[in-house]
Amino acid sequence: MIPNILTNTNTTKSGKKVTHLAWWVTLVLSMALAVGTWNPSGHHFIHYISNVDDILSGFKPFAILIMFALWLLAIKSIFQSLKYYGAIITVIIIGAFIWGLQQYNIINVTEFEQAGWAATIGVGLLIWFGLNASIIWKKLTGVYTTDSSDED
């Protein structure tokens, strides 16, 4: 039922089975957070809370707190795994990719809607990379990112 690309597994050196599904789940959740917060179509969280008479009625405070918590987790994971300079480099790489798409006339960032979608998807990719940076680093180097200690 689920395609093989989603359920492929690898065996680690310690014998633990790891599936690729986690990569896809974090990608979907990252994109959902970015697109759900704001997108050029107008169906997003900011539109939802900005077009109300009473922002403290119904489930709006709950939704605001949930969105705030999700963004705090996303930002914390980005800066914890990538640090400040890694986040800047990631933004530059995403921007260079968007610039390349512009140069090949695949997108036109002078149009608000296309620029908005490019930015929204770019933010989703930044969140995804922040969530998975230590795993990617482990794959590339064989070492998990470690925190510095007082003994250093």
N, C-alpha and C. Protein backbone atom coordinates (compact mmCIF):
# COMPACT_ATOMS: atom_id res chain seq x y z
N MET A 1 0.81 -1.19 0.00
CA MET A 1 0.00 0.00 0.00
C MET A 1 0.86 1.26 0.00
N ILE A 2 1.90 1.32 0.83
CA ILE A 2 2.81 2.47 0.86
C ILE A 2 3.96 2.16 -0.10
N PRO A 3 4.33 3.12 -0.96
CA PRO A 3 5.43 2.88 -1.91
C PRO A 3 6.73 2.52 -1.21
N ASN A 4 7.57 1.75 -1.89
CA ASN A 4 8.83 1.29 -1.31
C ASN A 4 9.76 2.43 -0.92
N ILE A 5 9.73 3.54 -1.66
CA ILE A 5 10.62 4.65 -1.34
C ILE A 5 10.35 5.21 0.06
N LEU A 6 9.13 5.03 0.54
CA LEU A 6 8.78 5.52 1.88
C LEU A 6 9.13 4.52 2.97
N THR A 7 9.18 3.24 2.62
CA THR A 7 9.35 2.23 3.66
C THR A 7 10.68 1.48 3.58
N ASN A 8 11.60 1.92 2.72
CA ASN A 8 12.91 1.29 2.69
C ASN A 8 13.56 1.37 4.06
N THR A 9 14.30 0.35 4.41
CA THR A 9 14.98 0.35 5.70
C THR A 9 16.48 0.15 5.51
N ASN A 10 17.24 0.70 6.40
CA ASN A 10 18.68 0.49 6.47
C ASN A 10 18.99 -0.11 7.83
N THR A 11 20.07 -0.86 7.89
CA THR A 11 20.51 -1.42 9.16
C THR A 11 21.74 -0.65 9.62
N THR A 12 21.70 -0.16 10.85
CA THR A 12 22.84 0.57 11.39
C THR A 12 23.93 -0.40 11.82
N LYS A 13 25.08 0.13 12.19
CA LYS A 13 26.18 -0.72 12.64
C LYS A 13 25.81 -1.52 13.88
N SER A 14 24.93 -0.97 14.70
CA SER A 14 24.53 -1.67 15.91
C SER A 14 23.40 -2.67 15.65
N GLY A 15 22.94 -2.78 14.40
CA GLY A 15 21.91 -3.75 14.05
C GLY A 15 20.50 -3.21 14.12
N LYS A 16 20.35 -1.93 14.40
CA LYS A 16 19.02 -1.33 14.49
C LYS A 16 18.50 -1.03 13.09
N LYS A 17 17.22 -1.31 12.86
CA LYS A 17 16.58 -1.02 11.57
C LYS A 17 16.04 0.41 11.60
N VAL A 18 16.36 1.19 10.56
CA VAL A 18 15.90 2.56 10.45
C VAL A 18 15.15 2.70 9.13
N THR A 19 13.92 3.21 9.18
CA THR A 19 13.15 3.37 7.95
C THR A 19 13.29 4.79 7.42
N HIS A 20 13.04 4.95 6.14
CA HIS A 20 13.12 6.25 5.51
C HIS A 20 11.84 7.05 5.71
N LEU A 21 10.83 6.44 6.30
CA LEU A 21 9.55 7.11 6.50
C LEU A 21 9.69 8.36 7.36
N ALA A 22 10.60 8.35 8.32
CA ALA A 22 10.80 9.52 9.19
C ALA A 22 11.21 10.75 8.39
N TRP A 23 12.04 10.56 7.35
CA TRP A 23 12.45 11.69 6.50
C TRP A 23 11.24 12.31 5.83
N TRP A 24 10.36 11.47 5.32
CA TRP A 24 9.18 11.95 4.60
C TRP A 24 8.18 12.59 5.55
N VAL A 25 8.02 12.01 6.74
CA VAL A 25 7.08 12.56 7.72
C VAL A 25 7.54 13.95 8.16
N THR A 26 8.83 14.11 8.44
CA THR A 26 9.31 15.43 8.84
C THR A 26 9.21 16.43 7.70
N LEU A 27 9.39 15.97 6.45
CA LEU A 27 9.23 16.87 5.31
C LEU A 27 7.78 17.34 5.19
N VAL A 28 6.84 16.42 5.32
CA VAL A 28 5.42 16.77 5.23
C VAL A 28 5.03 17.71 6.37
N LEU A 29 5.48 17.42 7.59
CA LEU A 29 5.15 18.28 8.73
C LEU A 29 5.78 19.66 8.61
N SER A 30 7.01 19.73 8.12
CA SER A 30 7.67 21.02 7.92
C SER A 30 6.93 21.86 6.88
N MET A 31 6.56 21.23 5.79
CA MET A 31 5.81 21.94 4.75
C MET A 31 4.43 22.36 5.25
N ALA A 32 3.80 21.49 6.03
CA ALA A 32 2.48 21.83 6.57
C ALA A 32 2.57 23.04 7.49
N LEU A 33 3.61 23.11 8.31
CA LEU A 33 3.78 24.27 9.20
C LEU A 33 4.01 25.55 8.39
N ALA A 34 4.89 25.49 7.40
CA ALA A 34 5.18 26.67 6.60
C ALA A 34 3.97 27.11 5.79
N VAL A 35 3.36 26.19 5.07
CA VAL A 35 2.21 26.52 4.21
C VAL A 35 1.00 26.88 5.06
N GLY A 36 0.84 26.21 6.19
CA GLY A 36 -0.29 26.49 7.07
C GLY A 36 -0.19 27.84 7.76
N THR A 37 1.02 28.33 7.97
CA THR A 37 1.19 29.62 8.61
C THR A 37 0.88 30.75 7.64
N TRP A 38 1.46 30.69 6.44
CA TRP A 38 1.16 31.70 5.43
C TRP A 38 1.45 31.13 4.05
N ASN A 39 0.59 31.44 3.10
CA ASN A 39 0.81 31.13 1.70
C ASN A 39 0.04 32.12 0.85
N PRO A 40 0.41 32.28 -0.41
CA PRO A 40 -0.23 33.29 -1.24
C PRO A 40 -1.68 33.01 -1.61
N SER A 41 -2.17 31.80 -1.38
CA SER A 41 -3.55 31.49 -1.75
C SER A 41 -4.57 32.14 -0.83
N GLY A 42 -4.16 32.52 0.37
CA GLY A 42 -5.07 33.14 1.32
C GLY A 42 -5.71 32.17 2.30
N HIS A 43 -5.45 30.87 2.14
CA HIS A 43 -5.97 29.86 3.06
C HIS A 43 -4.86 29.48 4.03
N HIS A 44 -4.70 30.29 5.08
CA HIS A 44 -3.61 30.08 6.01
C HIS A 44 -3.99 30.64 7.38
N PHE A 45 -3.13 30.35 8.35
CA PHE A 45 -3.38 30.70 9.74
C PHE A 45 -3.45 32.21 9.96
N ILE A 46 -2.54 32.95 9.36
CA ILE A 46 -2.53 34.40 9.55
C ILE A 46 -3.82 35.02 9.05
N HIS A 47 -4.33 34.54 7.93
CA HIS A 47 -5.61 35.03 7.41
C HIS A 47 -6.74 34.67 8.39
N TYR A 48 -6.67 33.45 8.95
CA TYR A 48 -7.69 32.97 9.88
C TYR A 48 -7.79 33.87 11.11
N ILE A 49 -6.65 34.25 11.69
CA ILE A 49 -6.72 35.05 12.92
C ILE A 49 -6.84 36.54 12.66
N SER A 50 -6.50 37.00 11.46
CA SER A 50 -6.56 38.43 11.20
C SER A 50 -7.94 38.91 10.75
N ASN A 51 -8.80 38.00 10.36
CA ASN A 51 -10.13 38.39 9.87
C ASN A 51 -11.23 38.01 10.86
N VAL A 52 -11.01 38.33 12.11
CA VAL A 52 -12.01 38.04 13.13
C VAL A 52 -12.28 39.31 13.93
N ASP A 53 -13.48 39.38 14.47
CA ASP A 53 -13.83 40.53 15.30
C ASP A 53 -13.25 40.38 16.70
N ASP A 54 -13.33 39.17 17.24
CA ASP A 54 -12.84 38.91 18.59
C ASP A 54 -11.82 37.78 18.52
N ILE A 55 -10.54 38.12 18.63
CA ILE A 55 -9.47 37.13 18.49
C ILE A 55 -9.45 36.14 19.67
N LEU A 56 -10.09 36.49 20.77
CA LEU A 56 -10.08 35.62 21.94
C LEU A 56 -11.35 34.78 22.06
N SER A 57 -12.09 34.59 20.96
CA SER A 57 -13.30 33.79 21.02
C SER A 57 -13.06 32.41 20.43
N GLY A 58 -13.82 31.45 20.89
CA GLY A 58 -13.75 30.10 20.35
C GLY A 58 -12.39 29.44 20.57
N PHE A 59 -11.94 28.77 19.53
CA PHE A 59 -10.66 28.05 19.60
C PHE A 59 -9.48 28.89 19.10
N LYS A 60 -9.70 30.14 18.83
CA LYS A 60 -8.62 30.98 18.30
C LYS A 60 -7.43 31.09 19.26
N PRO A 61 -7.64 31.32 20.56
CA PRO A 61 -6.47 31.35 21.46
C PRO A 61 -5.72 30.02 21.48
N PHE A 62 -6.45 28.92 21.43
CA PHE A 62 -5.83 27.60 21.40
C PHE A 62 -5.00 27.44 20.13
N ALA A 63 -5.57 27.84 18.99
CA ALA A 63 -4.85 27.74 17.72
C ALA A 63 -3.61 28.62 17.72
N ILE A 64 -3.72 29.80 18.28
CA ILE A 64 -2.57 30.71 18.35
C ILE A 64 -1.46 30.09 19.20
N LEU A 65 -1.81 29.52 20.34
CA LEU A 65 -0.81 28.91 21.21
C LEU A 65 -0.16 27.69 20.57
N ILE A 66 -0.95 26.88 19.88
CA ILE A 66 -0.40 25.70 19.19
C ILE A 66 0.57 26.14 18.10
N MET A 67 0.16 27.13 17.30
CA MET A 67 1.03 27.60 16.22
C MET A 67 2.31 28.22 16.80
N PHE A 68 2.18 28.97 17.88
CA PHE A 68 3.33 29.56 18.54
C PHE A 68 4.28 28.47 19.04
N ALA A 69 3.74 27.42 19.66
CA ALA A 69 4.56 26.32 20.17
C ALA A 69 5.26 25.58 19.03
N LEU A 70 4.56 25.34 17.93
CA LEU A 70 5.18 24.66 16.79
C LEU A 70 6.33 25.47 16.20
N TRP A 71 6.12 26.79 16.11
CA TRP A 71 7.20 27.63 15.59
C TRP A 71 8.37 27.71 16.55
N LEU A 72 8.10 27.73 17.87
CA LEU A 72 9.20 27.71 18.83
C LEU A 72 10.03 26.43 18.69
N LEU A 73 9.35 25.29 18.53
CA LEU A 73 10.06 24.02 18.34
C LEU A 73 10.86 24.03 17.04
N ALA A 74 10.26 24.55 15.98
CA ALA A 74 10.96 24.59 14.69
C ALA A 74 12.20 25.48 14.77
N ILE A 75 12.05 26.67 15.33
CA ILE A 75 13.18 27.59 15.43
C ILE A 75 14.26 27.03 16.34
N LYS A 76 13.85 26.41 17.45
CA LYS A 76 14.83 25.80 18.36
C LYS A 76 15.60 24.69 17.66
N SER A 77 14.90 23.86 16.90
CA SER A 77 15.59 22.76 16.22
C SER A 77 16.53 23.29 15.14
N ILE A 78 16.13 24.36 14.45
CA ILE A 78 17.00 24.94 13.42
C ILE A 78 18.29 25.45 14.04
N PHE A 79 18.18 26.26 15.10
CA PHE A 79 19.37 26.86 15.68
C PHE A 79 20.15 25.89 16.56
N GLN A 80 19.51 24.86 17.07
CA GLN A 80 20.24 23.87 17.87
C GLN A 80 21.08 22.98 16.95
N SER A 81 20.53 22.59 15.81
CA SER A 81 21.28 21.68 14.95
C SER A 81 22.17 22.41 13.95
N LEU A 82 21.73 23.55 13.43
CA LEU A 82 22.49 24.26 12.42
C LEU A 82 23.32 25.41 12.98
N LYS A 83 22.94 25.90 14.15
CA LYS A 83 23.51 27.12 14.72
C LYS A 83 23.18 28.29 13.80
N TYR A 84 23.63 29.47 14.16
CA TYR A 84 23.29 30.69 13.41
C TYR A 84 23.87 30.66 12.00
N TYR A 85 25.16 30.34 11.88
CA TYR A 85 25.80 30.37 10.57
C TYR A 85 25.28 29.27 9.66
N GLY A 86 24.97 28.12 10.21
CA GLY A 86 24.40 27.04 9.40
C GLY A 86 23.03 27.41 8.86
N ALA A 87 22.23 28.10 9.68
CA ALA A 87 20.92 28.55 9.21
C ALA A 87 21.07 29.58 8.09
N ILE A 88 22.04 30.50 8.25
CA ILE A 88 22.28 31.50 7.21
C ILE A 88 22.74 30.83 5.92
N ILE A 89 23.66 29.88 6.02
CA ILE A 89 24.14 29.17 4.83
C ILE A 89 23.01 28.40 4.16
N THR A 90 22.15 27.78 4.95
CA THR A 90 21.00 27.05 4.39
C THR A 90 20.07 28.00 3.65
N VAL A 91 19.80 29.16 4.22
CA VAL A 91 18.94 30.16 3.55
C VAL A 91 19.59 30.61 2.25
N ILE A 92 20.91 30.82 2.26
CA ILE A 92 21.61 31.22 1.04
C ILE A 92 21.52 30.13 -0.03
N ILE A 93 21.68 28.88 0.37
CA ILE A 93 21.58 27.76 -0.59
C ILE A 93 20.18 27.68 -1.18
N ILE A 94 19.16 27.81 -0.35
CA ILE A 94 17.78 27.78 -0.85
C ILE A 94 17.55 28.96 -1.78
N GLY A 95 18.05 30.13 -1.40
CA GLY A 95 17.92 31.31 -2.26
C GLY A 95 18.64 31.13 -3.60
N ALA A 96 19.81 30.50 -3.58
CA ALA A 96 20.54 30.24 -4.82
C ALA A 96 19.77 29.27 -5.71
N PHE A 97 19.12 28.30 -5.11
CA PHE A 97 18.31 27.35 -5.88
C PHE A 97 17.13 28.07 -6.53
N ILE A 98 16.47 28.94 -5.76
CA ILE A 98 15.35 29.72 -6.30
C ILE A 98 15.85 30.64 -7.41
N TRP A 99 17.02 31.24 -7.23
CA TRP A 99 17.61 32.09 -8.26
C TRP A 99 17.87 31.28 -9.54
N GLY A 100 18.36 30.04 -9.38
CA GLY A 100 18.57 29.17 -10.53
C GLY A 100 17.27 28.86 -11.25
N LEU A 101 16.21 28.59 -10.49
CA LEU A 101 14.90 28.36 -11.11
C LEU A 101 14.44 29.60 -11.87
N GLN A 102 14.71 30.77 -11.33
CA GLN A 102 14.37 32.03 -12.00
C GLN A 102 15.17 32.18 -13.29
N GLN A 103 16.45 31.85 -13.24
CA GLN A 103 17.31 32.00 -14.42
C GLN A 103 16.88 31.09 -15.57
N TYR A 104 16.35 29.92 -15.26
CA TYR A 104 15.87 28.99 -16.28
C TYR A 104 14.39 29.18 -16.61
N ASN A 105 13.83 30.29 -16.13
CA ASN A 105 12.42 30.64 -16.39
C ASN A 105 11.43 29.56 -15.95
N ILE A 106 11.78 28.84 -14.90
CA ILE A 106 10.85 27.87 -14.32
C ILE A 106 9.87 28.58 -13.41
N ILE A 107 10.36 29.58 -12.68
CA ILE A 107 9.49 30.44 -11.89
C ILE A 107 9.84 31.89 -12.19
N ASN A 108 8.93 32.78 -11.83
CA ASN A 108 9.15 34.21 -12.02
C ASN A 108 8.89 34.89 -10.68
N VAL A 109 9.97 35.20 -9.96
CA VAL A 109 9.81 35.74 -8.61
C VAL A 109 9.39 37.20 -8.59
N THR A 110 9.27 37.82 -9.78
CA THR A 110 8.73 39.18 -9.81
C THR A 110 7.22 39.17 -9.65
N GLU A 111 6.59 38.01 -9.80
CA GLU A 111 5.16 37.87 -9.55
C GLU A 111 4.98 37.49 -8.09
N PHE A 112 4.08 38.19 -7.40
CA PHE A 112 3.91 38.00 -5.96
C PHE A 112 3.57 36.55 -5.61
N GLU A 113 2.67 35.94 -6.34
CA GLU A 113 2.24 34.58 -5.99
C GLU A 113 3.39 33.58 -6.11
N GLN A 114 4.15 33.66 -7.18
CA GLN A 114 5.27 32.73 -7.34
C GLN A 114 6.37 32.99 -6.32
N ALA A 115 6.63 34.25 -6.05
CA ALA A 115 7.63 34.58 -5.02
C ALA A 115 7.16 34.12 -3.65
N GLY A 116 5.86 34.28 -3.38
CA GLY A 116 5.31 33.82 -2.11
C GLY A 116 5.41 32.33 -1.92
N TRP A 117 5.10 31.57 -2.98
CA TRP A 117 5.22 30.12 -2.89
C TRP A 117 6.68 29.69 -2.75
N ALA A 118 7.58 30.36 -3.46
CA ALA A 118 9.00 30.03 -3.35
C ALA A 118 9.50 30.27 -1.93
N ALA A 119 9.09 31.40 -1.35
CA ALA A 119 9.51 31.71 0.02
C ALA A 119 8.90 30.74 1.03
N THR A 120 7.62 30.42 0.86
CA THR A 120 6.95 29.51 1.78
C THR A 120 7.56 28.12 1.73
N ILE A 121 7.80 27.61 0.54
CA ILE A 121 8.42 26.29 0.41
C ILE A 121 9.87 26.33 0.89
N GLY A 122 10.56 27.45 0.65
CA GLY A 122 11.92 27.61 1.17
C GLY A 122 11.97 27.56 2.68
N VAL A 123 11.02 28.19 3.34
CA VAL A 123 10.94 28.14 4.81
C VAL A 123 10.66 26.71 5.27
N GLY A 124 9.77 26.02 4.57
CA GLY A 124 9.49 24.62 4.91
C GLY A 124 10.74 23.75 4.79
N LEU A 125 11.54 23.98 3.74
CA LEU A 125 12.78 23.22 3.58
C LEU A 125 13.79 23.57 4.66
N LEU A 126 13.85 24.84 5.06
CA LEU A 126 14.73 25.24 6.16
C LEU A 126 14.34 24.53 7.45
N ILE A 127 13.05 24.46 7.73
CA ILE A 127 12.59 23.74 8.93
C ILE A 127 12.96 22.27 8.82
N TRP A 128 12.70 21.67 7.66
CA TRP A 128 13.00 20.25 7.47
C TRP A 128 14.49 19.99 7.66
N PHE A 129 15.32 20.82 7.07
CA PHE A 129 16.76 20.63 7.21
C PHE A 129 17.19 20.82 8.66
N GLY A 130 16.60 21.78 9.35
CA GLY A 130 16.91 21.97 10.76
C GLY A 130 16.53 20.78 11.61
N LEU A 131 15.40 20.14 11.28
CA LEU A 131 14.98 18.96 12.02
C LEU A 131 15.90 17.76 11.77
N ASN A 132 16.49 17.68 10.59
CA ASN A 132 17.25 16.50 10.20
C ASN A 132 18.75 16.73 10.07
N ALA A 133 19.24 17.90 10.41
CA ALA A 133 20.64 18.22 10.18
C ALA A 133 21.59 17.28 10.91
N SER A 134 21.29 16.93 12.15
CA SER A 134 22.21 16.05 12.88
C SER A 134 22.23 14.65 12.28
N ILE A 135 21.11 14.20 11.73
CA ILE A 135 21.06 12.89 11.07
C ILE A 135 21.87 12.93 9.78
N ILE A 136 21.72 14.02 9.02
CA ILE A 136 22.49 14.17 7.78
C ILE A 136 23.97 14.25 8.09
N TRP A 137 24.33 15.00 9.14
CA TRP A 137 25.73 15.11 9.55
C TRP A 137 26.28 13.75 9.94
N LYS A 138 25.50 12.95 10.63
CA LYS A 138 25.91 11.60 11.03
C LYS A 138 26.16 10.74 9.80
N LYS A 139 25.29 10.86 8.79
CA LYS A 139 25.46 10.08 7.57
C LYS A 139 26.75 10.49 6.85
N LEU A 140 27.04 11.81 6.83
CA LEU A 140 28.21 12.29 6.10
C LEU A 140 29.52 12.01 6.82
N THR A 141 29.53 12.18 8.15
CA THR A 141 30.79 12.10 8.89
C THR A 141 30.91 10.89 9.80
N GLY A 142 29.79 10.29 10.16
CA GLY A 142 29.82 9.18 11.10
C GLY A 142 29.77 9.62 12.54
N VAL A 143 29.63 10.93 12.80
CA VAL A 143 29.61 11.46 14.16
C VAL A 143 28.38 12.33 14.33
N TYR A 144 27.64 12.10 15.42
CA TYR A 144 26.54 12.99 15.75
C TYR A 144 27.07 14.31 16.25
N THR A 145 26.33 15.37 16.04
CA THR A 145 26.70 16.67 16.58
C THR A 145 26.66 16.59 18.09
N THR A 146 27.69 17.12 18.73
CA THR A 146 27.74 17.09 20.19
C THR A 146 27.76 18.50 20.73
N ASP A 147 27.27 18.65 21.92
CA ASP A 147 27.32 19.95 22.59
C ASP A 147 28.69 20.11 23.23
N SER A 148 29.15 21.34 23.31
CA SER A 148 30.42 21.58 23.99
C SER A 148 30.20 21.49 25.49
N SER A 149 31.21 21.05 26.19
CA SER A 149 31.10 20.93 27.64
C SER A 149 32.00 21.96 28.31
N ASP A 150 31.89 22.06 29.60
CA ASP A 150 32.72 22.99 30.37
C ASP A 150 34.19 22.55 30.39
N GLU A 151 34.43 21.27 30.12
CA GLU A 151 35.78 20.75 30.18
C GLU A 151 36.61 21.13 28.96
N ASP A 152 35.97 21.60 27.90
CA ASP A 152 36.69 21.93 26.65
C ASP A 152 37.60 23.11 26.80
